[in-house]
Amino acid sequence: MTAPDNNAPGAGRPYPAGPPPYPYGGPPPGYGWTPPPVPVSPDGRPLADFGTRLLAYMIDGALLGAGALVVTAPFLVWFITHWTAQLSTYPNTTLEPDPMDIWRDFFLPMLFLEGALFVVMLIVTYVYHVELMFRSGQTLGKKWLKLQVVPIEPGGTLTRTRAAKRYAVEFVAATFVPLLSYLDGLWQLWDKPFQQTLHDKAAGTVVIKVAP
């Protein structure tokens, strides 16, 4: 029987060992998925995410809609009463009514009603989003969802002027410029690094999360 040749290539050498097992507790640092850092304001407070801001906006919209309905109810009652009274004055005939009568008795009151409702809505929205918001930085929707509007510069003060600039872009300008309201709200999705909307940029503000 021939003795093994220890000088042969690879003779007497063990196979390469596999990678050392991970200690208990998982792989060493540097492996696996790491969540991205939380976006923060210039003074280090976490910024509000798109979904929470959208929900706060919807809550505020529902509250404003309910309030506007209460405020505008007298106008609606007046219009219905006025139109019903005018209908009773038309003669009971098959003849077509005079177009000028229709314009005077229906369209002019309708235009007046729409104009009045528009002005009332702007005023109600201004009071809610400026006068009631700038002192604390919170509307009711933001307060319930723990959000707050703050100046972008650390140590700044949220003034009535800043709040009015936000209102002017978010509501007044968006009323007259088609699709601006959508662009304004969606802007935060790609704005870096502070996730600002257009009305945030106009006023120099950001929206942060408030510790519960």
N, C-alpha and C. Protein backbone atom coordinates (compact mmCIF):
# COMPACT_ATOMS: atom_id res chain seq x y z
N MET A 1 0.86 -1.19 0.00
CA MET A 1 0.00 0.00 0.00
C MET A 1 0.89 1.24 0.00
N THR A 2 0.57 2.20 -0.85
CA THR A 2 1.42 3.39 -1.00
C THR A 2 0.97 4.47 -0.05
N ALA A 3 1.91 5.07 0.67
CA ALA A 3 1.58 6.15 1.62
C ALA A 3 1.19 7.40 0.86
N PRO A 4 0.31 8.17 1.38
CA PRO A 4 -0.11 9.39 0.69
C PRO A 4 1.03 10.37 0.58
N ASP A 5 1.09 11.03 -0.54
CA ASP A 5 2.14 12.01 -0.80
C ASP A 5 1.73 13.35 -0.21
N ASN A 6 2.35 13.70 0.90
CA ASN A 6 1.99 14.96 1.56
C ASN A 6 2.50 16.17 0.81
N ASN A 7 3.36 15.91 -0.18
CA ASN A 7 3.88 17.04 -0.95
C ASN A 7 3.03 17.34 -2.17
N ALA A 8 1.99 16.49 -2.41
CA ALA A 8 1.12 16.74 -3.57
C ALA A 8 0.33 18.02 -3.34
N PRO A 9 -0.02 18.74 -4.42
CA PRO A 9 -0.78 19.99 -4.27
C PRO A 9 -2.09 19.75 -3.53
N GLY A 10 -2.31 20.54 -2.51
CA GLY A 10 -3.56 20.46 -1.75
C GLY A 10 -3.59 19.36 -0.73
N ALA A 11 -2.55 18.50 -0.70
CA ALA A 11 -2.58 17.39 0.23
C ALA A 11 -2.40 17.88 1.65
N GLY A 12 -3.16 17.34 2.56
CA GLY A 12 -3.02 17.66 3.97
C GLY A 12 -3.61 19.00 4.36
N ARG A 13 -4.28 19.68 3.40
CA ARG A 13 -4.87 20.99 3.71
C ARG A 13 -6.39 20.86 3.79
N PRO A 14 -6.99 21.39 4.80
CA PRO A 14 -8.46 21.31 4.89
C PRO A 14 -9.10 22.22 3.85
N TYR A 15 -10.35 21.88 3.52
CA TYR A 15 -11.09 22.74 2.60
C TYR A 15 -11.30 24.12 3.26
N PRO A 16 -11.40 25.17 2.42
CA PRO A 16 -11.61 26.51 3.01
C PRO A 16 -12.88 26.54 3.85
N ALA A 17 -12.77 27.16 4.97
CA ALA A 17 -13.94 27.24 5.87
C ALA A 17 -14.94 28.25 5.32
N GLY A 18 -16.22 28.05 5.61
CA GLY A 18 -17.26 29.00 5.19
C GLY A 18 -17.19 30.27 6.02
N PRO A 19 -18.03 31.23 5.70
CA PRO A 19 -18.02 32.48 6.47
C PRO A 19 -18.42 32.22 7.91
N PRO A 20 -17.83 32.95 8.81
CA PRO A 20 -18.14 32.72 10.23
C PRO A 20 -19.60 32.99 10.51
N PRO A 21 -20.19 32.18 11.34
CA PRO A 21 -21.61 32.40 11.65
C PRO A 21 -21.81 33.73 12.38
N TYR A 22 -23.00 34.35 12.11
CA TYR A 22 -23.31 35.60 12.79
C TYR A 22 -23.58 35.32 14.26
N PRO A 23 -23.12 36.17 15.12
CA PRO A 23 -23.49 35.99 16.54
C PRO A 23 -24.98 36.19 16.72
N TYR A 24 -25.45 35.79 17.85
CA TYR A 24 -26.87 35.95 18.13
C TYR A 24 -27.23 37.43 18.05
N GLY A 25 -28.39 37.67 17.50
CA GLY A 25 -28.84 39.04 17.38
C GLY A 25 -28.83 39.56 15.96
N GLY A 26 -28.37 38.74 14.97
CA GLY A 26 -28.46 39.20 13.59
C GLY A 26 -27.12 39.56 13.01
N PRO A 27 -27.12 39.97 11.76
CA PRO A 27 -25.88 40.28 11.06
C PRO A 27 -25.24 41.54 11.61
N PRO A 28 -23.97 41.71 11.34
CA PRO A 28 -23.28 42.90 11.83
C PRO A 28 -23.80 44.15 11.14
N PRO A 29 -23.49 45.31 11.67
CA PRO A 29 -23.96 46.56 11.06
C PRO A 29 -23.50 46.67 9.61
N GLY A 30 -24.34 47.30 8.80
CA GLY A 30 -24.01 47.45 7.39
C GLY A 30 -24.78 46.51 6.51
N TYR A 31 -25.44 45.52 7.07
CA TYR A 31 -26.23 44.56 6.31
C TYR A 31 -27.71 44.89 6.47
N GLY A 32 -28.49 44.55 5.46
CA GLY A 32 -29.94 44.72 5.55
C GLY A 32 -30.38 46.13 5.18
N TRP A 33 -31.72 46.36 5.24
CA TRP A 33 -32.32 47.63 4.83
C TRP A 33 -32.32 48.63 5.98
N THR A 34 -31.93 49.83 5.69
CA THR A 34 -31.95 50.89 6.68
C THR A 34 -32.96 51.94 6.27
N PRO A 35 -33.93 52.28 7.11
CA PRO A 35 -34.93 53.28 6.72
C PRO A 35 -34.29 54.63 6.47
N PRO A 36 -34.85 55.40 5.54
CA PRO A 36 -34.29 56.72 5.27
C PRO A 36 -34.49 57.64 6.47
N PRO A 37 -33.66 58.64 6.61
CA PRO A 37 -33.82 59.56 7.74
C PRO A 37 -35.12 60.34 7.64
N VAL A 38 -35.68 60.69 8.77
CA VAL A 38 -36.92 61.45 8.82
C VAL A 38 -36.62 62.90 8.43
N PRO A 39 -37.37 63.45 7.45
CA PRO A 39 -37.14 64.86 7.08
C PRO A 39 -37.44 65.78 8.26
N VAL A 40 -36.60 66.77 8.45
CA VAL A 40 -36.77 67.67 9.58
C VAL A 40 -36.72 69.12 9.11
N SER A 41 -37.26 70.00 9.92
CA SER A 41 -37.23 71.43 9.66
C SER A 41 -35.83 71.96 9.95
N PRO A 42 -35.54 73.22 9.59
CA PRO A 42 -34.21 73.76 9.86
C PRO A 42 -33.80 73.71 11.33
N ASP A 43 -34.77 73.73 12.25
CA ASP A 43 -34.40 73.64 13.66
C ASP A 43 -34.48 72.21 14.20
N GLY A 44 -34.63 71.22 13.31
CA GLY A 44 -34.52 69.83 13.71
C GLY A 44 -35.81 69.13 14.09
N ARG A 45 -36.95 69.77 13.93
CA ARG A 45 -38.22 69.12 14.27
C ARG A 45 -38.76 68.35 13.07
N PRO A 46 -39.39 67.17 13.30
CA PRO A 46 -39.86 66.34 12.18
C PRO A 46 -40.95 67.04 11.37
N LEU A 47 -40.86 66.92 10.05
CA LEU A 47 -41.85 67.52 9.16
C LEU A 47 -43.08 66.64 9.04
N ALA A 48 -44.21 67.26 8.78
CA ALA A 48 -45.46 66.51 8.57
C ALA A 48 -45.42 65.81 7.22
N ASP A 49 -45.94 64.60 7.16
CA ASP A 49 -45.99 63.86 5.90
C ASP A 49 -47.21 64.26 5.09
N PHE A 50 -47.21 63.89 3.81
CA PHE A 50 -48.27 64.29 2.88
C PHE A 50 -49.63 63.77 3.33
N GLY A 51 -49.71 62.50 3.73
CA GLY A 51 -50.99 61.91 4.09
C GLY A 51 -51.65 62.61 5.27
N THR A 52 -50.86 62.93 6.29
CA THR A 52 -51.42 63.58 7.47
C THR A 52 -51.86 65.01 7.14
N ARG A 53 -51.08 65.71 6.32
CA ARG A 53 -51.47 67.06 5.92
C ARG A 53 -52.76 67.02 5.10
N LEU A 54 -52.88 66.03 4.23
CA LEU A 54 -54.09 65.92 3.41
C LEU A 54 -55.31 65.66 4.28
N LEU A 55 -55.17 64.79 5.27
CA LEU A 55 -56.29 64.49 6.16
C LEU A 55 -56.70 65.72 6.96
N ALA A 56 -55.71 66.49 7.44
CA ALA A 56 -56.02 67.72 8.17
C ALA A 56 -56.75 68.71 7.27
N TYR A 57 -56.33 68.78 6.00
CA TYR A 57 -56.98 69.67 5.03
C TYR A 57 -58.43 69.25 4.82
N MET A 58 -58.68 67.96 4.73
CA MET A 58 -60.04 67.47 4.53
C MET A 58 -60.92 67.76 5.75
N ILE A 59 -60.36 67.61 6.94
CA ILE A 59 -61.12 67.92 8.15
C ILE A 59 -61.48 69.40 8.18
N ASP A 60 -60.50 70.25 7.89
CA ASP A 60 -60.77 71.69 7.86
C ASP A 60 -61.81 72.03 6.80
N GLY A 61 -61.73 71.37 5.65
CA GLY A 61 -62.71 71.63 4.59
C GLY A 61 -64.12 71.25 5.01
N ALA A 62 -64.26 70.13 5.72
CA ALA A 62 -65.58 69.71 6.19
C ALA A 62 -66.13 70.70 7.22
N LEU A 63 -65.27 71.16 8.12
CA LEU A 63 -65.71 72.13 9.12
C LEU A 63 -66.10 73.45 8.48
N LEU A 64 -65.30 73.90 7.51
CA LEU A 64 -65.62 75.15 6.82
C LEU A 64 -66.92 75.02 6.02
N GLY A 65 -67.11 73.86 5.39
CA GLY A 65 -68.34 73.65 4.63
C GLY A 65 -69.57 73.72 5.52
N ALA A 66 -69.48 73.10 6.70
CA ALA A 66 -70.61 73.15 7.63
C ALA A 66 -70.86 74.57 8.11
N GLY A 67 -69.78 75.29 8.42
CA GLY A 67 -69.93 76.67 8.87
C GLY A 67 -70.50 77.57 7.79
N ALA A 68 -70.02 77.37 6.55
CA ALA A 68 -70.52 78.18 5.44
C ALA A 68 -72.00 77.92 5.17
N LEU A 69 -72.42 76.68 5.36
CA LEU A 69 -73.83 76.36 5.16
C LEU A 69 -74.71 77.11 6.15
N VAL A 70 -74.25 77.20 7.39
CA VAL A 70 -75.01 77.94 8.40
C VAL A 70 -75.06 79.43 8.04
N VAL A 71 -73.92 79.97 7.59
CA VAL A 71 -73.86 81.40 7.28
C VAL A 71 -74.69 81.74 6.06
N THR A 72 -74.67 80.86 5.05
CA THR A 72 -75.36 81.17 3.79
C THR A 72 -76.83 80.76 3.78
N ALA A 73 -77.28 80.06 4.79
CA ALA A 73 -78.68 79.62 4.82
C ALA A 73 -79.66 80.78 4.66
N PRO A 74 -79.44 81.94 5.31
CA PRO A 74 -80.39 83.05 5.10
C PRO A 74 -80.47 83.51 3.64
N PHE A 75 -79.32 83.49 2.93
CA PHE A 75 -79.34 83.87 1.52
C PHE A 75 -80.18 82.89 0.70
N LEU A 76 -80.03 81.62 1.00
CA LEU A 76 -80.79 80.61 0.26
C LEU A 76 -82.28 80.74 0.53
N VAL A 77 -82.64 80.99 1.78
CA VAL A 77 -84.05 81.17 2.12
C VAL A 77 -84.61 82.39 1.39
N TRP A 78 -83.83 83.47 1.36
CA TRP A 78 -84.29 84.67 0.65
C TRP A 78 -84.51 84.40 -0.82
N PHE A 79 -83.57 83.67 -1.45
CA PHE A 79 -83.69 83.43 -2.88
C PHE A 79 -84.92 82.57 -3.19
N ILE A 80 -85.12 81.52 -2.42
CA ILE A 80 -86.28 80.65 -2.66
C ILE A 80 -87.58 81.42 -2.46
N THR A 81 -87.63 82.22 -1.41
CA THR A 81 -88.84 83.01 -1.15
C THR A 81 -89.09 84.02 -2.27
N HIS A 82 -88.01 84.67 -2.70
CA HIS A 82 -88.13 85.67 -3.77
C HIS A 82 -88.61 85.03 -5.06
N TRP A 83 -88.01 83.91 -5.42
CA TRP A 83 -88.36 83.26 -6.68
C TRP A 83 -89.79 82.71 -6.64
N THR A 84 -90.20 82.16 -5.52
CA THR A 84 -91.57 81.67 -5.39
C THR A 84 -92.58 82.80 -5.53
N ALA A 85 -92.27 83.94 -4.93
CA ALA A 85 -93.16 85.10 -5.04
C ALA A 85 -93.24 85.60 -6.48
N GLN A 86 -92.13 85.58 -7.18
CA GLN A 86 -92.12 86.05 -8.57
C GLN A 86 -92.92 85.11 -9.46
N LEU A 87 -92.82 83.82 -9.21
CA LEU A 87 -93.58 82.87 -10.02
C LEU A 87 -95.08 83.10 -9.90
N SER A 88 -95.51 83.48 -8.73
CA SER A 88 -96.95 83.69 -8.53
C SER A 88 -97.48 84.90 -9.29
N THR A 89 -96.60 85.79 -9.72
CA THR A 89 -97.04 86.99 -10.45
C THR A 89 -97.17 86.76 -11.95
N TYR A 90 -96.61 85.63 -12.44
CA TYR A 90 -96.71 85.38 -13.87
C TYR A 90 -98.15 84.96 -14.20
N PRO A 91 -98.67 85.45 -15.33
CA PRO A 91 -100.04 85.06 -15.70
C PRO A 91 -100.11 83.58 -16.05
N ASN A 92 -101.22 82.98 -15.72
CA ASN A 92 -101.42 81.56 -16.01
C ASN A 92 -101.82 81.41 -17.47
N THR A 93 -100.83 81.35 -18.32
CA THR A 93 -101.07 81.29 -19.76
C THR A 93 -100.03 80.41 -20.41
N THR A 94 -100.32 80.01 -21.61
CA THR A 94 -99.38 79.17 -22.35
C THR A 94 -98.37 79.99 -23.12
N LEU A 95 -98.49 81.32 -23.08
CA LEU A 95 -97.55 82.17 -23.80
C LEU A 95 -96.18 82.13 -23.12
N GLU A 96 -95.14 82.26 -23.95
CA GLU A 96 -93.79 82.29 -23.41
C GLU A 96 -93.59 83.58 -22.61
N PRO A 97 -92.96 83.50 -21.43
CA PRO A 97 -92.72 84.72 -20.66
C PRO A 97 -91.68 85.61 -21.35
N ASP A 98 -91.73 86.86 -21.06
CA ASP A 98 -90.78 87.83 -21.61
C ASP A 98 -89.37 87.51 -21.11
N PRO A 99 -88.38 87.38 -22.03
CA PRO A 99 -87.01 87.09 -21.58
C PRO A 99 -86.48 88.11 -20.59
N MET A 100 -86.83 89.36 -20.73
CA MET A 100 -86.37 90.37 -19.79
C MET A 100 -86.93 90.15 -18.40
N ASP A 101 -88.15 89.63 -18.34
CA ASP A 101 -88.73 89.31 -17.03
C ASP A 101 -87.95 88.18 -16.36
N ILE A 102 -87.59 87.18 -17.17
CA ILE A 102 -86.81 86.07 -16.61
C ILE A 102 -85.45 86.56 -16.13
N TRP A 103 -84.82 87.43 -16.93
CA TRP A 103 -83.52 87.98 -16.54
C TRP A 103 -83.63 88.77 -15.23
N ARG A 104 -84.65 89.60 -15.14
CA ARG A 104 -84.81 90.45 -13.96
C ARG A 104 -85.21 89.65 -12.73
N ASP A 105 -86.08 88.69 -12.91
CA ASP A 105 -86.67 88.00 -11.76
C ASP A 105 -85.90 86.76 -11.33
N PHE A 106 -85.07 86.21 -12.24
CA PHE A 106 -84.36 84.98 -11.88
C PHE A 106 -82.85 85.14 -11.96
N PHE A 107 -82.33 85.53 -13.13
CA PHE A 107 -80.88 85.53 -13.30
C PHE A 107 -80.18 86.59 -12.46
N LEU A 108 -80.73 87.78 -12.38
CA LEU A 108 -80.10 88.80 -11.55
C LEU A 108 -80.05 88.40 -10.07
N PRO A 109 -81.16 87.91 -9.49
CA PRO A 109 -81.06 87.42 -8.10
C PRO A 109 -80.08 86.25 -7.95
N MET A 110 -80.02 85.38 -8.97
CA MET A 110 -79.09 84.26 -8.90
C MET A 110 -77.64 84.75 -8.90
N LEU A 111 -77.34 85.73 -9.76
CA LEU A 111 -75.99 86.29 -9.79
C LEU A 111 -75.65 86.97 -8.46
N PHE A 112 -76.62 87.67 -7.92
CA PHE A 112 -76.40 88.31 -6.62
C PHE A 112 -76.12 87.27 -5.54
N LEU A 113 -76.88 86.19 -5.55
CA LEU A 113 -76.70 85.14 -4.55
C LEU A 113 -75.33 84.50 -4.68
N GLU A 114 -74.92 84.17 -5.91
CA GLU A 114 -73.62 83.54 -6.11
C GLU A 114 -72.49 84.47 -5.68
N GLY A 115 -72.60 85.75 -6.03
CA GLY A 115 -71.57 86.70 -5.61
C GLY A 115 -71.49 86.83 -4.10
N ALA A 116 -72.66 86.88 -3.46
CA ALA A 116 -72.68 86.99 -2.00
C ALA A 116 -72.08 85.75 -1.35
N LEU A 117 -72.41 84.57 -1.86
CA LEU A 117 -71.87 83.33 -1.30
C LEU A 117 -70.36 83.28 -1.48
N PHE A 118 -69.87 83.73 -2.63
CA PHE A 118 -68.43 83.74 -2.88
C PHE A 118 -67.71 84.63 -1.86
N VAL A 119 -68.24 85.82 -1.65
CA VAL A 119 -67.62 86.75 -0.70
C VAL A 119 -67.68 86.18 0.72
N VAL A 120 -68.82 85.62 1.08
CA VAL A 120 -68.97 85.06 2.42
C VAL A 120 -67.98 83.92 2.64
N MET A 121 -67.81 83.06 1.64
CA MET A 121 -66.87 81.94 1.78
C MET A 121 -65.44 82.44 1.94
N LEU A 122 -65.06 83.47 1.18
CA LEU A 122 -63.71 84.02 1.32
C LEU A 122 -63.50 84.59 2.72
N ILE A 123 -64.52 85.26 3.24
CA ILE A 123 -64.39 85.85 4.58
C ILE A 123 -64.30 84.75 5.64
N VAL A 124 -65.17 83.76 5.56
CA VAL A 124 -65.15 82.67 6.54
C VAL A 124 -63.81 81.93 6.48
N THR A 125 -63.33 81.67 5.27
CA THR A 125 -62.05 80.98 5.11
C THR A 125 -60.91 81.82 5.66
N TYR A 126 -60.96 83.13 5.42
CA TYR A 126 -59.92 84.02 5.95
C TYR A 126 -59.89 83.97 7.48
N VAL A 127 -61.04 84.10 8.09
CA VAL A 127 -61.10 84.09 9.56
C VAL A 127 -60.54 82.78 10.10
N TYR A 128 -60.89 81.67 9.47
CA TYR A 128 -60.47 80.36 9.96
C TYR A 128 -58.98 80.14 9.76
N HIS A 129 -58.47 80.43 8.55
CA HIS A 129 -57.09 80.09 8.22
C HIS A 129 -56.09 81.19 8.53
N VAL A 130 -56.56 82.36 8.90
CA VAL A 130 -55.64 83.45 9.25
C VAL A 130 -55.82 83.86 10.71
N GLU A 131 -56.99 84.40 11.02
CA GLU A 131 -57.19 84.95 12.36
C GLU A 131 -57.17 83.88 13.45
N LEU A 132 -57.73 82.72 13.17
CA LEU A 132 -57.76 81.66 14.18
C LEU A 132 -56.52 80.77 14.15
N MET A 133 -55.72 80.89 13.09
CA MET A 133 -54.59 79.98 12.95
C MET A 133 -53.26 80.59 13.34
N PHE A 134 -53.04 81.89 13.06
CA PHE A 134 -51.67 82.40 13.18
C PHE A 134 -51.18 82.47 14.62
N ARG A 135 -52.07 82.55 15.59
CA ARG A 135 -51.62 82.66 16.98
C ARG A 135 -50.98 81.37 17.47
N SER A 136 -51.53 80.24 17.09
CA SER A 136 -51.00 78.95 17.56
C SER A 136 -50.33 78.15 16.45
N GLY A 137 -50.57 78.56 15.19
CA GLY A 137 -50.04 77.79 14.07
C GLY A 137 -50.88 76.57 13.75
N GLN A 138 -52.09 76.50 14.29
CA GLN A 138 -52.91 75.31 14.11
C GLN A 138 -54.36 75.67 13.78
N THR A 139 -54.90 75.04 12.76
CA THR A 139 -56.35 74.99 12.57
C THR A 139 -56.86 73.82 13.42
N LEU A 140 -58.16 73.64 13.45
CA LEU A 140 -58.69 72.50 14.21
C LEU A 140 -58.20 71.18 13.65
N GLY A 141 -58.18 71.07 12.31
CA GLY A 141 -57.70 69.83 11.70
C GLY A 141 -56.25 69.55 12.06
N LYS A 142 -55.42 70.57 12.01
CA LYS A 142 -54.00 70.39 12.37
C LYS A 142 -53.84 70.09 13.85
N LYS A 143 -54.64 70.73 14.67
CA LYS A 143 -54.55 70.49 16.11
C LYS A 143 -54.90 69.05 16.45
N TRP A 144 -55.97 68.54 15.84
CA TRP A 144 -56.39 67.16 16.12
C TRP A 144 -55.36 66.15 15.63
N LEU A 145 -54.64 66.47 14.57
CA LEU A 145 -53.66 65.53 14.02
C LEU A 145 -52.23 65.87 14.44
N LYS A 146 -52.08 66.76 15.40
CA LYS A 146 -50.76 67.09 15.97
C LYS A 146 -49.81 67.68 14.93
N LEU A 147 -50.30 68.64 14.15
CA LEU A 147 -49.48 69.35 13.19
C LEU A 147 -49.45 70.83 13.56
N GLN A 148 -48.43 71.52 13.08
CA GLN A 148 -48.31 72.95 13.39
C GLN A 148 -47.56 73.66 12.27
N VAL A 149 -48.03 74.85 11.92
CA VAL A 149 -47.35 75.71 10.95
C VAL A 149 -46.36 76.59 11.70
N VAL A 150 -45.10 76.58 11.25
CA VAL A 150 -44.07 77.40 11.89
C VAL A 150 -43.25 78.09 10.81
N PRO A 151 -42.60 79.21 11.14
CA PRO A 151 -41.70 79.85 10.17
C PRO A 151 -40.54 78.93 9.83
N ILE A 152 -40.04 79.06 8.61
CA ILE A 152 -38.95 78.18 8.19
C ILE A 152 -37.65 78.54 8.88
N GLU A 153 -37.47 79.82 9.24
CA GLU A 153 -36.23 80.20 9.91
C GLU A 153 -36.36 79.92 11.40
N PRO A 154 -35.36 79.29 12.00
CA PRO A 154 -35.43 78.99 13.43
C PRO A 154 -35.63 80.26 14.26
N GLY A 155 -36.54 80.17 15.21
CA GLY A 155 -36.79 81.31 16.09
C GLY A 155 -37.72 82.35 15.52
N GLY A 156 -38.24 82.14 14.30
CA GLY A 156 -39.14 83.11 13.70
C GLY A 156 -40.53 83.07 14.33
N THR A 157 -41.33 84.08 14.02
CA THR A 157 -42.68 84.19 14.56
C THR A 157 -43.70 84.07 13.44
N LEU A 158 -44.72 83.27 13.67
CA LEU A 158 -45.80 83.15 12.69
C LEU A 158 -46.74 84.34 12.87
N THR A 159 -46.62 85.32 11.99
CA THR A 159 -47.42 86.53 12.08
C THR A 159 -48.70 86.42 11.27
N ARG A 160 -49.57 87.41 11.45
CA ARG A 160 -50.78 87.48 10.64
C ARG A 160 -50.43 87.64 9.16
N THR A 161 -49.37 88.38 8.88
CA THR A 161 -48.96 88.58 7.48
C THR A 161 -48.56 87.27 6.83
N ARG A 162 -47.81 86.45 7.54
CA ARG A 162 -47.42 85.14 6.99
C ARG A 162 -48.66 84.28 6.74
N ALA A 163 -49.56 84.26 7.71
CA ALA A 163 -50.78 83.46 7.55
C ALA A 163 -51.61 83.98 6.38
N ALA A 164 -51.66 85.30 6.20
CA ALA A 164 -52.42 85.88 5.09
C ALA A 164 -51.80 85.51 3.75
N LYS A 165 -50.48 85.43 3.67
CA LYS A 165 -49.82 85.01 2.43
C LYS A 165 -50.18 83.57 2.09
N ARG A 166 -50.19 82.71 3.09
CA ARG A 166 -50.61 81.33 2.86
C ARG A 166 -52.04 81.29 2.32
N TYR A 167 -52.91 82.05 2.95
CA TYR A 167 -54.32 82.11 2.53
C TYR A 167 -54.45 82.65 1.11
N ALA A 168 -53.68 83.68 0.77
CA ALA A 168 -53.80 84.31 -0.55
C ALA A 168 -53.45 83.33 -1.67
N VAL A 169 -52.45 82.48 -1.44
CA VAL A 169 -52.06 81.51 -2.47
C VAL A 169 -52.98 80.30 -2.45
N GLU A 170 -53.24 79.77 -1.27
CA GLU A 170 -53.98 78.50 -1.15
C GLU A 170 -55.45 78.65 -1.53
N PHE A 171 -56.04 79.81 -1.28
CA PHE A 171 -57.48 79.95 -1.50
C PHE A 171 -57.84 81.02 -2.53
N VAL A 172 -57.30 82.23 -2.40
CA VAL A 172 -57.68 83.30 -3.33
C VAL A 172 -57.14 83.03 -4.72
N ALA A 173 -55.81 82.85 -4.83
CA ALA A 173 -55.22 82.60 -6.15
C ALA A 173 -55.74 81.30 -6.75
N ALA A 174 -55.89 80.27 -5.92
CA ALA A 174 -56.36 78.98 -6.43
C ALA A 174 -57.80 79.05 -6.93
N THR A 175 -58.56 80.05 -6.48
CA THR A 175 -59.93 80.21 -6.96
C THR A 175 -59.96 80.67 -8.41
N PHE A 176 -58.96 81.45 -8.81
CA PHE A 176 -58.97 82.06 -10.14
C PHE A 176 -58.02 81.37 -11.13
N VAL A 177 -57.04 80.63 -10.65
CA VAL A 177 -56.07 79.96 -11.53
C VAL A 177 -56.43 78.48 -11.60
N PRO A 178 -56.80 77.98 -12.77
CA PRO A 178 -57.19 76.56 -12.88
C PRO A 178 -56.06 75.63 -12.44
N LEU A 179 -56.43 74.60 -11.70
CA LEU A 179 -55.54 73.52 -11.26
C LEU A 179 -54.47 73.97 -10.27
N LEU A 180 -54.46 75.25 -9.89
CA LEU A 180 -53.43 75.70 -8.94
C LEU A 180 -53.58 75.01 -7.59
N SER A 181 -54.81 74.77 -7.16
CA SER A 181 -55.00 74.13 -5.86
C SER A 181 -54.38 72.74 -5.82
N TYR A 182 -54.48 72.00 -6.94
CA TYR A 182 -53.87 70.66 -7.00
C TYR A 182 -52.35 70.76 -7.02
N LEU A 183 -51.83 71.66 -7.85
CA LEU A 183 -50.38 71.83 -7.93
C LEU A 183 -49.82 72.29 -6.59
N ASP A 184 -50.53 73.18 -5.94
CA ASP A 184 -50.09 73.69 -4.64
C ASP A 184 -49.97 72.56 -3.62
N GLY A 185 -51.00 71.75 -3.51
CA GLY A 185 -50.98 70.68 -2.52
C GLY A 185 -49.99 69.57 -2.83
N LEU A 186 -49.83 69.26 -4.12
CA LEU A 186 -48.93 68.17 -4.51
C LEU A 186 -47.47 68.58 -4.51
N TRP A 187 -47.19 69.87 -4.49
CA TRP A 187 -45.81 70.34 -4.60
C TRP A 187 -44.91 69.76 -3.51
N GLN A 188 -45.49 69.52 -2.34
CA GLN A 188 -44.69 69.01 -1.22
C GLN A 188 -44.11 67.62 -1.49
N LEU A 189 -44.70 66.89 -2.44
CA LEU A 189 -44.23 65.53 -2.70
C LEU A 189 -42.83 65.51 -3.30
N TRP A 190 -42.48 66.55 -4.05
CA TRP A 190 -41.15 66.56 -4.67
C TRP A 190 -40.28 67.72 -4.17
N ASP A 191 -40.81 68.53 -3.27
CA ASP A 191 -40.01 69.63 -2.75
C ASP A 191 -39.01 69.12 -1.73
N LYS A 192 -37.76 69.50 -1.92
CA LYS A 192 -36.70 69.09 -1.01
C LYS A 192 -35.94 70.33 -0.54
N PRO A 193 -35.48 70.36 0.70
CA PRO A 193 -35.58 69.29 1.70
C PRO A 193 -36.74 69.46 2.70
N PHE A 194 -37.58 70.49 2.54
CA PHE A 194 -38.52 70.81 3.61
C PHE A 194 -39.98 70.49 3.28
N GLN A 195 -40.24 69.82 2.16
CA GLN A 195 -41.59 69.36 1.82
C GLN A 195 -42.62 70.49 1.89
N GLN A 196 -42.30 71.61 1.28
CA GLN A 196 -43.19 72.77 1.31
C GLN A 196 -44.19 72.74 0.16
N THR A 197 -45.38 73.23 0.42
CA THR A 197 -46.33 73.52 -0.65
C THR A 197 -46.00 74.90 -1.21
N LEU A 198 -46.72 75.31 -2.26
CA LEU A 198 -46.49 76.64 -2.81
C LEU A 198 -46.89 77.74 -1.82
N HIS A 199 -47.98 77.49 -1.06
CA HIS A 199 -48.35 78.52 -0.08
C HIS A 199 -47.38 78.55 1.10
N ASP A 200 -46.70 77.44 1.39
CA ASP A 200 -45.62 77.46 2.38
C ASP A 200 -44.48 78.35 1.88
N LYS A 201 -44.11 78.17 0.62
CA LYS A 201 -42.99 78.93 0.06
C LYS A 201 -43.31 80.42 0.02
N ALA A 202 -44.56 80.76 -0.33
CA ALA A 202 -44.94 82.17 -0.39
C ALA A 202 -44.85 82.84 0.98
N ALA A 203 -45.15 82.08 2.03
CA ALA A 203 -45.16 82.65 3.38
C ALA A 203 -43.89 82.37 4.16
N GLY A 204 -43.01 81.51 3.64
CA GLY A 204 -41.82 81.15 4.38
C GLY A 204 -42.13 80.31 5.60
N THR A 205 -42.94 79.25 5.40
CA THR A 205 -43.34 78.39 6.51
C THR A 205 -43.11 76.93 6.17
N VAL A 206 -43.12 76.10 7.19
CA VAL A 206 -43.14 74.64 7.05
C VAL A 206 -44.18 74.11 8.02
N VAL A 207 -44.58 72.86 7.81
CA VAL A 207 -45.53 72.21 8.71
C VAL A 207 -44.82 71.06 9.41
N ILE A 208 -44.84 71.07 10.72
CA ILE A 208 -44.11 70.08 11.51
C ILE A 208 -45.08 69.21 12.30
N LYS A 209 -44.54 68.09 12.78
CA LYS A 209 -45.28 67.24 13.71
C LYS A 209 -45.03 67.73 15.13
N VAL A 210 -46.10 67.75 15.91
CA VAL A 210 -46.00 68.19 17.30
C VAL A 210 -46.01 66.97 18.20
N ALA A 211 -45.13 66.95 19.17
CA ALA A 211 -45.08 65.83 20.09
C ALA A 211 -46.40 65.75 20.86
N PRO A 212 -46.97 64.54 20.97
CA PRO A 212 -48.25 64.40 21.69
C PRO A 212 -48.10 64.71 23.18
